[in-house]
């Protein structure tokens, strides 16, 4: 449950901090949507989410052309889903790269932090939505059965919009 003292930033981080992989959706030049999995590269959240990439990729071209992106996080076993809207920026700042570097990234960037193609995609979050439940899987099944008998929609969890 949401603690009344939690800010939207704290609540969003609580929802996504254990889901290290997000689907990043950007808009191609022909206005088609393009999604790909990206590793969230941080241990705290202050309004910006960070992802590493190489400069010479479609996603960098896409977010340079249109910075509006959508990130989606999912924990299906927990029935928790988060959608994050934001504006992307490309950074080559060595201090930021050092700050957000994770050892697991060496599998993708064999030259490490010294890779001349390495950059950060910084997503300034503007809004997020989440859907989750505190009910067990069995309780959710029973709620659906009850709904089918009564004709009332099931009460499966919370849906909240966070404005940053």
N, C-alpha and C. Protein backbone atom coordinates (compact mmCIF):
# COMPACT_ATOMS: atom_id res chain seq x y z
N UNK A 1 0.84 -1.19 0.00
CA UNK A 1 0.00 0.00 0.00
C UNK A 1 0.88 1.25 0.00
N UNK A 2 0.36 2.31 -0.55
CA UNK A 2 1.10 3.57 -0.63
C UNK A 2 1.16 4.24 0.74
N UNK A 3 2.35 4.55 1.14
CA UNK A 3 2.56 5.33 2.35
C UNK A 3 2.28 6.79 2.00
N UNK A 4 1.46 7.48 2.78
CA UNK A 4 1.08 8.86 2.48
C UNK A 4 2.29 9.77 2.36
N UNK A 5 3.39 9.45 3.03
CA UNK A 5 4.59 10.30 2.99
C UNK A 5 5.41 10.08 1.72
N UNK A 6 5.11 9.03 0.96
CA UNK A 6 5.91 8.76 -0.24
C UNK A 6 5.62 9.76 -1.34
N UNK A 7 6.68 10.27 -1.95
CA UNK A 7 6.53 11.16 -3.11
C UNK A 7 6.27 10.28 -4.34
N UNK A 8 5.81 10.88 -5.44
CA UNK A 8 5.65 10.10 -6.67
C UNK A 8 6.96 9.43 -7.10
N UNK A 9 8.11 10.12 -6.91
CA UNK A 9 9.40 9.53 -7.25
C UNK A 9 9.67 8.29 -6.42
N UNK A 10 9.45 8.38 -5.12
CA UNK A 10 9.70 7.24 -4.23
C UNK A 10 8.77 6.08 -4.55
N UNK A 11 7.51 6.37 -4.82
CA UNK A 11 6.55 5.32 -5.12
C UNK A 11 6.90 4.63 -6.44
N UNK A 12 7.26 5.42 -7.46
CA UNK A 12 7.64 4.82 -8.74
C UNK A 12 8.87 3.93 -8.56
N UNK A 13 9.88 4.41 -7.85
CA UNK A 13 11.09 3.61 -7.67
C UNK A 13 10.78 2.32 -6.93
N UNK A 14 9.91 2.39 -5.94
CA UNK A 14 9.52 1.18 -5.20
C UNK A 14 8.90 0.15 -6.14
N UNK A 15 8.15 0.61 -7.13
CA UNK A 15 7.48 -0.29 -8.08
C UNK A 15 8.44 -0.89 -9.10
N UNK A 16 9.52 -0.18 -9.48
CA UNK A 16 10.36 -0.67 -10.59
C UNK A 16 11.76 -1.11 -10.18
N UNK A 17 12.19 -0.84 -8.96
CA UNK A 17 13.60 -1.06 -8.59
C UNK A 17 14.06 -2.50 -8.73
N UNK A 18 13.18 -3.46 -8.58
CA UNK A 18 13.57 -4.87 -8.70
C UNK A 18 13.42 -5.41 -10.13
N UNK A 19 12.80 -4.64 -11.00
CA UNK A 19 12.63 -5.03 -12.41
C UNK A 19 13.73 -4.33 -13.20
N UNK A 20 14.85 -4.94 -13.33
CA UNK A 20 15.99 -4.28 -13.97
C UNK A 20 15.84 -4.09 -15.47
N UNK A 21 14.94 -4.84 -16.09
CA UNK A 21 14.77 -4.73 -17.54
C UNK A 21 13.46 -4.02 -17.86
N UNK A 22 13.56 -3.02 -18.71
CA UNK A 22 12.38 -2.30 -19.20
C UNK A 22 12.32 -2.45 -20.71
N UNK A 23 11.13 -2.39 -21.24
CA UNK A 23 10.97 -2.29 -22.69
C UNK A 23 10.92 -0.80 -23.01
N UNK A 24 11.89 -0.34 -23.82
CA UNK A 24 11.96 1.06 -24.23
C UNK A 24 11.31 1.17 -25.60
N UNK A 25 10.25 1.98 -25.69
CA UNK A 25 9.54 2.19 -26.95
C UNK A 25 9.81 3.61 -27.41
N UNK A 26 10.29 3.71 -28.64
CA UNK A 26 10.55 5.02 -29.25
C UNK A 26 9.80 5.08 -30.57
N UNK A 27 9.84 6.25 -31.19
CA UNK A 27 9.11 6.46 -32.43
C UNK A 27 10.11 6.59 -33.58
N UNK A 28 9.96 5.71 -34.56
CA UNK A 28 10.83 5.74 -35.75
C UNK A 28 10.49 6.96 -36.59
N UNK A 29 11.38 7.29 -37.51
CA UNK A 29 11.14 8.45 -38.39
C UNK A 29 9.88 8.29 -39.23
N UNK A 30 9.47 7.03 -39.51
CA UNK A 30 8.24 6.82 -40.27
C UNK A 30 7.02 6.69 -39.35
N UNK A 31 7.17 7.12 -38.12
CA UNK A 31 6.14 7.20 -37.10
C UNK A 31 5.65 5.82 -36.63
N UNK A 32 6.42 4.80 -36.90
CA UNK A 32 6.13 3.48 -36.35
C UNK A 32 6.74 3.40 -34.96
N UNK A 33 6.15 2.59 -34.10
CA UNK A 33 6.70 2.36 -32.77
C UNK A 33 7.72 1.24 -32.83
N UNK A 34 8.78 1.37 -32.04
CA UNK A 34 9.85 0.38 -32.01
C UNK A 34 10.23 0.14 -30.55
N UNK A 35 10.18 -1.11 -30.10
CA UNK A 35 10.50 -1.44 -28.70
C UNK A 35 11.66 -2.40 -28.63
N UNK A 36 12.40 -2.27 -27.52
CA UNK A 36 13.50 -3.20 -27.27
C UNK A 36 13.77 -3.23 -25.78
N UNK A 37 14.29 -4.38 -25.27
CA UNK A 37 14.61 -4.47 -23.84
C UNK A 37 15.88 -3.70 -23.51
N UNK A 38 15.86 -3.02 -22.38
CA UNK A 38 17.00 -2.24 -21.91
C UNK A 38 17.18 -2.46 -20.42
N UNK A 39 18.43 -2.47 -19.97
CA UNK A 39 18.72 -2.65 -18.54
C UNK A 39 18.75 -1.28 -17.86
N UNK A 40 17.95 -1.14 -16.81
CA UNK A 40 17.96 0.09 -16.02
C UNK A 40 19.28 0.15 -15.26
N UNK A 41 19.99 1.26 -15.39
CA UNK A 41 21.36 1.35 -14.85
C UNK A 41 21.43 2.33 -13.68
N UNK A 42 20.83 1.94 -12.56
CA UNK A 42 20.90 2.80 -11.38
C UNK A 42 20.40 2.06 -10.15
N UNK A 43 20.76 2.61 -9.00
CA UNK A 43 20.33 2.04 -7.72
C UNK A 43 19.43 2.97 -6.95
N UNK A 44 19.11 4.13 -7.52
CA UNK A 44 18.22 5.10 -6.89
C UNK A 44 17.57 5.91 -8.01
N UNK A 45 16.51 6.64 -7.68
CA UNK A 45 15.76 7.38 -8.70
C UNK A 45 15.44 8.77 -8.19
N UNK A 46 15.81 9.77 -8.99
CA UNK A 46 15.53 11.16 -8.62
C UNK A 46 14.70 11.89 -9.69
N UNK A 47 14.08 11.12 -10.58
CA UNK A 47 13.28 11.71 -11.65
C UNK A 47 13.77 11.34 -13.04
N UNK A 48 14.99 10.77 -13.11
CA UNK A 48 15.58 10.38 -14.39
C UNK A 48 15.96 8.91 -14.33
N UNK A 49 15.65 8.17 -15.40
CA UNK A 49 16.06 6.77 -15.53
C UNK A 49 17.18 6.71 -16.57
N UNK A 50 18.16 5.83 -16.34
CA UNK A 50 19.35 5.75 -17.17
C UNK A 50 19.51 4.37 -17.82
N UNK A 51 19.91 4.38 -19.10
CA UNK A 51 20.12 3.16 -19.88
C UNK A 51 21.35 3.37 -20.75
N UNK A 52 22.21 2.35 -20.84
CA UNK A 52 23.39 2.44 -21.69
C UNK A 52 23.07 1.95 -23.10
N UNK A 53 23.76 2.54 -24.07
CA UNK A 53 23.61 2.16 -25.46
C UNK A 53 24.90 2.49 -26.20
N UNK A 54 24.96 2.02 -27.43
CA UNK A 54 25.98 2.47 -28.36
C UNK A 54 25.39 3.63 -29.15
N UNK A 55 26.23 4.56 -29.56
CA UNK A 55 25.77 5.73 -30.30
C UNK A 55 25.18 5.37 -31.66
N UNK A 56 25.79 4.44 -32.37
CA UNK A 56 25.40 4.13 -33.73
C UNK A 56 24.31 3.06 -33.75
N UNK A 57 23.13 3.41 -33.20
CA UNK A 57 22.00 2.47 -33.18
C UNK A 57 20.73 3.18 -33.61
N UNK A 58 19.75 2.39 -34.01
CA UNK A 58 18.45 2.96 -34.40
C UNK A 58 17.82 3.72 -33.24
N UNK A 59 17.93 3.17 -32.02
CA UNK A 59 17.25 3.82 -30.90
C UNK A 59 17.80 5.22 -30.65
N UNK A 60 19.11 5.41 -30.83
CA UNK A 60 19.70 6.73 -30.63
C UNK A 60 19.19 7.68 -31.71
N UNK A 61 19.13 7.23 -32.96
CA UNK A 61 18.57 8.04 -34.04
C UNK A 61 17.11 8.39 -33.73
N UNK A 62 16.35 7.42 -33.25
CA UNK A 62 14.93 7.64 -32.97
C UNK A 62 14.73 8.67 -31.86
N UNK A 63 15.43 8.52 -30.73
CA UNK A 63 15.20 9.45 -29.62
C UNK A 63 15.81 10.83 -29.89
N UNK A 64 16.80 10.90 -30.78
CA UNK A 64 17.33 12.19 -31.19
C UNK A 64 16.30 12.92 -32.05
N UNK A 65 15.64 12.16 -32.90
CA UNK A 65 14.62 12.74 -33.78
C UNK A 65 13.34 13.07 -33.02
N UNK A 66 12.92 12.20 -32.11
CA UNK A 66 11.71 12.42 -31.31
C UNK A 66 11.99 11.89 -29.91
N UNK A 67 12.21 12.75 -28.92
CA UNK A 67 12.64 12.31 -27.60
C UNK A 67 11.56 11.65 -26.73
N UNK A 68 10.31 11.67 -27.18
CA UNK A 68 9.24 11.07 -26.37
C UNK A 68 9.35 9.55 -26.40
N UNK A 69 9.43 8.94 -25.21
CA UNK A 69 9.56 7.49 -25.11
C UNK A 69 8.59 6.94 -24.07
N UNK A 70 8.39 5.65 -24.15
CA UNK A 70 7.58 4.92 -23.18
C UNK A 70 8.42 3.75 -22.68
N UNK A 71 8.47 3.59 -21.37
CA UNK A 71 9.15 2.46 -20.74
C UNK A 71 8.10 1.59 -20.08
N UNK A 72 8.23 0.27 -20.23
CA UNK A 72 7.30 -0.62 -19.53
C UNK A 72 8.10 -1.64 -18.73
N UNK A 73 7.65 -1.84 -17.50
CA UNK A 73 8.24 -2.81 -16.58
C UNK A 73 7.14 -3.79 -16.20
N UNK A 74 7.49 -5.07 -16.05
CA UNK A 74 6.49 -6.07 -15.68
C UNK A 74 7.07 -7.11 -14.74
N UNK A 75 6.28 -7.47 -13.76
CA UNK A 75 6.57 -8.59 -12.86
C UNK A 75 5.31 -9.46 -12.87
N UNK A 76 5.14 -10.30 -13.91
CA UNK A 76 3.89 -11.06 -14.05
C UNK A 76 3.57 -11.96 -12.85
N UNK A 77 4.58 -12.55 -12.24
CA UNK A 77 4.31 -13.42 -11.08
C UNK A 77 3.70 -12.63 -9.93
N UNK A 78 4.07 -11.37 -9.83
CA UNK A 78 3.55 -10.50 -8.77
C UNK A 78 2.31 -9.73 -9.24
N UNK A 79 1.96 -9.89 -10.52
CA UNK A 79 0.86 -9.13 -11.13
C UNK A 79 1.08 -7.63 -10.95
N UNK A 80 2.31 -7.18 -11.23
CA UNK A 80 2.67 -5.77 -11.11
C UNK A 80 3.19 -5.28 -12.46
N UNK A 81 2.63 -4.17 -12.92
CA UNK A 81 2.97 -3.64 -14.23
C UNK A 81 3.08 -2.12 -14.12
N UNK A 82 4.11 -1.56 -14.78
CA UNK A 82 4.34 -0.12 -14.72
C UNK A 82 4.63 0.40 -16.13
N UNK A 83 4.01 1.52 -16.45
CA UNK A 83 4.22 2.22 -17.71
C UNK A 83 4.75 3.61 -17.38
N UNK A 84 5.87 3.99 -17.99
CA UNK A 84 6.54 5.25 -17.67
C UNK A 84 6.70 6.08 -18.95
N UNK A 85 6.19 7.31 -18.92
CA UNK A 85 6.35 8.23 -20.05
C UNK A 85 7.47 9.21 -19.71
N UNK A 86 8.23 9.59 -20.74
CA UNK A 86 9.28 10.56 -20.48
C UNK A 86 9.91 11.09 -21.75
N UNK A 87 10.88 11.95 -21.53
CA UNK A 87 11.63 12.57 -22.62
C UNK A 87 13.09 12.12 -22.52
N UNK A 88 13.61 11.59 -23.63
CA UNK A 88 14.96 11.03 -23.64
C UNK A 88 15.98 12.05 -24.11
N UNK A 89 17.17 11.93 -23.55
CA UNK A 89 18.31 12.76 -23.91
C UNK A 89 19.52 11.83 -23.98
N UNK A 90 20.45 12.12 -24.89
CA UNK A 90 21.65 11.31 -25.03
C UNK A 90 22.81 12.04 -24.34
N UNK A 91 23.53 11.31 -23.48
CA UNK A 91 24.66 11.90 -22.76
C UNK A 91 25.92 11.08 -22.99
N UNK A 92 27.04 11.78 -23.15
CA UNK A 92 28.35 11.13 -23.24
C UNK A 92 29.22 11.59 -22.07
N UNK A 93 28.62 12.18 -21.06
CA UNK A 93 29.32 12.71 -19.89
C UNK A 93 30.05 11.58 -19.17
N UNK A 94 31.39 11.60 -19.14
CA UNK A 94 32.15 10.52 -18.50
C UNK A 94 31.82 10.33 -17.02
N UNK A 95 31.54 11.41 -16.30
CA UNK A 95 31.20 11.29 -14.88
C UNK A 95 29.88 10.54 -14.70
N UNK A 96 28.90 10.84 -15.54
CA UNK A 96 27.62 10.13 -15.46
C UNK A 96 27.78 8.67 -15.87
N UNK A 97 28.59 8.44 -16.88
CA UNK A 97 28.83 7.05 -17.32
C UNK A 97 29.46 6.26 -16.18
N UNK A 98 30.45 6.83 -15.52
CA UNK A 98 31.09 6.17 -14.37
C UNK A 98 30.08 5.92 -13.24
N UNK A 99 29.27 6.93 -12.96
CA UNK A 99 28.29 6.84 -11.87
C UNK A 99 27.28 5.72 -12.09
N UNK A 100 26.87 5.50 -13.33
CA UNK A 100 25.81 4.52 -13.61
C UNK A 100 26.31 3.19 -14.15
N UNK A 101 27.60 3.04 -14.32
CA UNK A 101 28.15 1.80 -14.87
C UNK A 101 27.89 0.64 -13.92
N UNK A 102 27.50 -0.50 -14.48
CA UNK A 102 27.27 -1.73 -13.73
C UNK A 102 28.15 -2.82 -14.31
N UNK A 103 28.76 -3.66 -13.47
CA UNK A 103 29.61 -4.75 -13.99
C UNK A 103 28.91 -5.63 -15.01
N UNK A 104 27.60 -5.84 -14.86
CA UNK A 104 26.86 -6.69 -15.80
C UNK A 104 26.88 -6.13 -17.23
N UNK A 105 27.16 -4.85 -17.37
CA UNK A 105 27.18 -4.22 -18.70
C UNK A 105 28.38 -4.65 -19.54
N UNK A 106 29.41 -5.20 -18.89
CA UNK A 106 30.61 -5.65 -19.62
C UNK A 106 30.27 -6.73 -20.64
N UNK A 107 29.18 -7.46 -20.42
CA UNK A 107 28.76 -8.49 -21.38
C UNK A 107 28.31 -7.85 -22.69
N UNK A 108 27.83 -6.61 -22.64
CA UNK A 108 27.34 -5.91 -23.83
C UNK A 108 28.36 -4.94 -24.41
N UNK A 109 29.22 -4.41 -23.55
CA UNK A 109 30.21 -3.41 -23.97
C UNK A 109 31.59 -3.93 -23.60
N UNK A 110 32.20 -4.69 -24.50
CA UNK A 110 33.46 -5.37 -24.18
C UNK A 110 34.63 -4.43 -23.92
N UNK A 111 34.53 -3.16 -24.34
CA UNK A 111 35.57 -2.18 -24.04
C UNK A 111 35.26 -1.42 -22.75
N UNK A 112 34.17 -1.83 -22.08
CA UNK A 112 33.80 -1.21 -20.81
C UNK A 112 33.47 0.27 -20.96
N UNK A 113 33.77 1.02 -19.93
CA UNK A 113 33.46 2.45 -19.92
C UNK A 113 34.30 3.24 -20.93
N UNK A 114 35.33 2.62 -21.49
CA UNK A 114 36.20 3.30 -22.45
C UNK A 114 35.74 3.13 -23.90
N UNK A 115 34.62 2.46 -24.10
CA UNK A 115 34.10 2.25 -25.44
C UNK A 115 33.75 3.61 -26.06
N UNK A 116 34.36 3.97 -27.19
CA UNK A 116 34.09 5.28 -27.79
C UNK A 116 32.64 5.43 -28.28
N UNK A 117 31.93 4.33 -28.43
CA UNK A 117 30.53 4.37 -28.88
C UNK A 117 29.55 4.41 -27.71
N UNK A 118 30.05 4.33 -26.48
CA UNK A 118 29.19 4.25 -25.30
C UNK A 118 28.49 5.58 -25.01
N UNK A 119 27.21 5.49 -24.69
CA UNK A 119 26.47 6.68 -24.28
C UNK A 119 25.37 6.27 -23.30
N UNK A 120 24.80 7.25 -22.66
CA UNK A 120 23.67 7.04 -21.76
C UNK A 120 22.41 7.62 -22.39
N UNK A 121 21.34 6.87 -22.30
CA UNK A 121 20.02 7.42 -22.61
C UNK A 121 19.44 7.82 -21.27
N UNK A 122 19.20 9.09 -21.10
CA UNK A 122 18.62 9.62 -19.86
C UNK A 122 17.15 9.92 -20.13
N UNK A 123 16.27 9.28 -19.39
CA UNK A 123 14.83 9.51 -19.58
C UNK A 123 14.30 10.30 -18.39
N UNK A 124 13.95 11.54 -18.65
CA UNK A 124 13.33 12.40 -17.64
C UNK A 124 11.86 11.99 -17.58
N UNK A 125 11.46 11.41 -16.46
CA UNK A 125 10.11 10.87 -16.32
C UNK A 125 9.10 12.00 -16.11
N UNK A 126 8.02 11.96 -16.88
CA UNK A 126 6.96 12.96 -16.74
C UNK A 126 5.71 12.38 -16.10
N UNK A 127 5.47 11.08 -16.33
CA UNK A 127 4.27 10.45 -15.79
C UNK A 127 4.47 8.94 -15.75
N UNK A 128 3.82 8.31 -14.81
CA UNK A 128 3.89 6.85 -14.72
C UNK A 128 2.53 6.33 -14.28
N UNK A 129 2.22 5.13 -14.73
CA UNK A 129 1.01 4.43 -14.28
C UNK A 129 1.43 3.07 -13.79
N UNK A 130 0.74 2.58 -12.78
CA UNK A 130 1.01 1.21 -12.36
C UNK A 130 -0.27 0.49 -12.04
N UNK A 131 -0.19 -0.82 -12.23
CA UNK A 131 -1.26 -1.74 -11.91
C UNK A 131 -0.63 -2.82 -11.06
N UNK A 132 -1.18 -3.07 -9.90
CA UNK A 132 -0.66 -4.16 -9.07
C UNK A 132 -1.75 -4.66 -8.13
N UNK A 133 -1.44 -5.73 -7.46
CA UNK A 133 -2.37 -6.32 -6.52
C UNK A 133 -1.61 -6.85 -5.32
N UNK A 134 -2.28 -6.84 -4.19
CA UNK A 134 -1.68 -7.45 -3.00
C UNK A 134 -2.35 -8.79 -2.69
N UNK A 135 -3.19 -9.25 -3.64
CA UNK A 135 -3.88 -10.52 -3.45
C UNK A 135 -3.02 -11.67 -3.98
N UNK A 136 -3.13 -12.79 -3.32
CA UNK A 136 -2.42 -13.99 -3.77
C UNK A 136 -3.03 -14.48 -5.08
N UNK A 137 -2.31 -15.33 -5.76
CA UNK A 137 -2.80 -15.89 -7.02
C UNK A 137 -4.14 -16.61 -6.79
N UNK A 138 -4.25 -17.38 -5.71
CA UNK A 138 -5.49 -18.10 -5.41
C UNK A 138 -6.63 -17.11 -5.14
N UNK A 139 -6.36 -16.03 -4.42
CA UNK A 139 -7.39 -15.03 -4.14
C UNK A 139 -7.86 -14.37 -5.43
N UNK A 140 -6.95 -14.17 -6.38
CA UNK A 140 -7.33 -13.59 -7.66
C UNK A 140 -8.25 -14.54 -8.43
N UNK A 141 -7.94 -15.83 -8.39
CA UNK A 141 -8.79 -16.83 -9.07
C UNK A 141 -10.18 -16.81 -8.45
N UNK A 142 -10.24 -16.81 -7.12
CA UNK A 142 -11.54 -16.78 -6.44
C UNK A 142 -12.30 -15.51 -6.77
N UNK A 143 -11.61 -14.40 -6.85
CA UNK A 143 -12.25 -13.13 -7.21
C UNK A 143 -12.84 -13.20 -8.62
N UNK A 144 -12.15 -13.83 -9.54
CA UNK A 144 -12.66 -13.98 -10.91
C UNK A 144 -13.88 -14.91 -10.94
N UNK A 145 -13.83 -15.98 -10.17
CA UNK A 145 -14.98 -16.90 -10.09
C UNK A 145 -16.18 -16.16 -9.52
N UNK A 146 -15.96 -15.44 -8.42
CA UNK A 146 -17.03 -14.66 -7.80
C UNK A 146 -17.61 -13.66 -8.79
N UNK A 147 -16.76 -13.03 -9.58
CA UNK A 147 -17.20 -12.07 -10.58
C UNK A 147 -18.08 -12.73 -11.63
N UNK A 148 -17.70 -13.93 -12.07
CA UNK A 148 -18.48 -14.61 -13.10
C UNK A 148 -19.86 -15.01 -12.58
N UNK A 149 -19.97 -15.28 -11.28
CA UNK A 149 -21.24 -15.65 -10.68
C UNK A 149 -22.12 -14.41 -10.45
N UNK A 150 -21.53 -13.35 -9.95
CA UNK A 150 -22.30 -12.15 -9.60
C UNK A 150 -22.50 -11.20 -10.77
N UNK A 151 -21.65 -11.30 -11.79
CA UNK A 151 -21.73 -10.39 -12.91
C UNK A 151 -21.06 -9.05 -12.66
N UNK A 152 -20.47 -8.89 -11.47
CA UNK A 152 -19.75 -7.65 -11.15
C UNK A 152 -18.29 -7.80 -11.54
N UNK A 153 -17.65 -6.71 -11.98
CA UNK A 153 -16.23 -6.80 -12.34
C UNK A 153 -15.38 -7.22 -11.13
N UNK A 154 -14.34 -8.00 -11.37
CA UNK A 154 -13.48 -8.41 -10.24
C UNK A 154 -12.66 -7.24 -9.71
N UNK A 155 -12.38 -7.26 -8.43
CA UNK A 155 -11.51 -6.28 -7.80
C UNK A 155 -10.16 -6.95 -7.63
N UNK A 156 -9.27 -6.70 -8.59
CA UNK A 156 -8.00 -7.43 -8.60
C UNK A 156 -6.81 -6.62 -8.12
N UNK A 157 -6.94 -5.31 -8.02
CA UNK A 157 -5.80 -4.54 -7.57
C UNK A 157 -5.95 -3.07 -7.83
N UNK A 158 -4.83 -2.38 -7.71
CA UNK A 158 -4.81 -0.93 -7.82
C UNK A 158 -4.32 -0.49 -9.19
N UNK A 159 -4.87 0.63 -9.66
CA UNK A 159 -4.37 1.30 -10.85
C UNK A 159 -4.22 2.76 -10.46
N UNK A 160 -3.01 3.29 -10.59
CA UNK A 160 -2.73 4.65 -10.17
C UNK A 160 -1.87 5.34 -11.21
N UNK A 161 -2.12 6.63 -11.40
CA UNK A 161 -1.29 7.46 -12.26
C UNK A 161 -0.48 8.41 -11.38
N UNK A 162 0.82 8.47 -11.64
CA UNK A 162 1.72 9.35 -10.89
C UNK A 162 2.20 10.45 -11.83
N UNK A 163 2.04 11.68 -11.43
CA UNK A 163 2.56 12.81 -12.21
C UNK A 163 3.82 13.31 -11.53
N UNK A 164 4.88 13.44 -12.28
CA UNK A 164 6.16 13.83 -11.70
C UNK A 164 6.32 15.34 -11.66
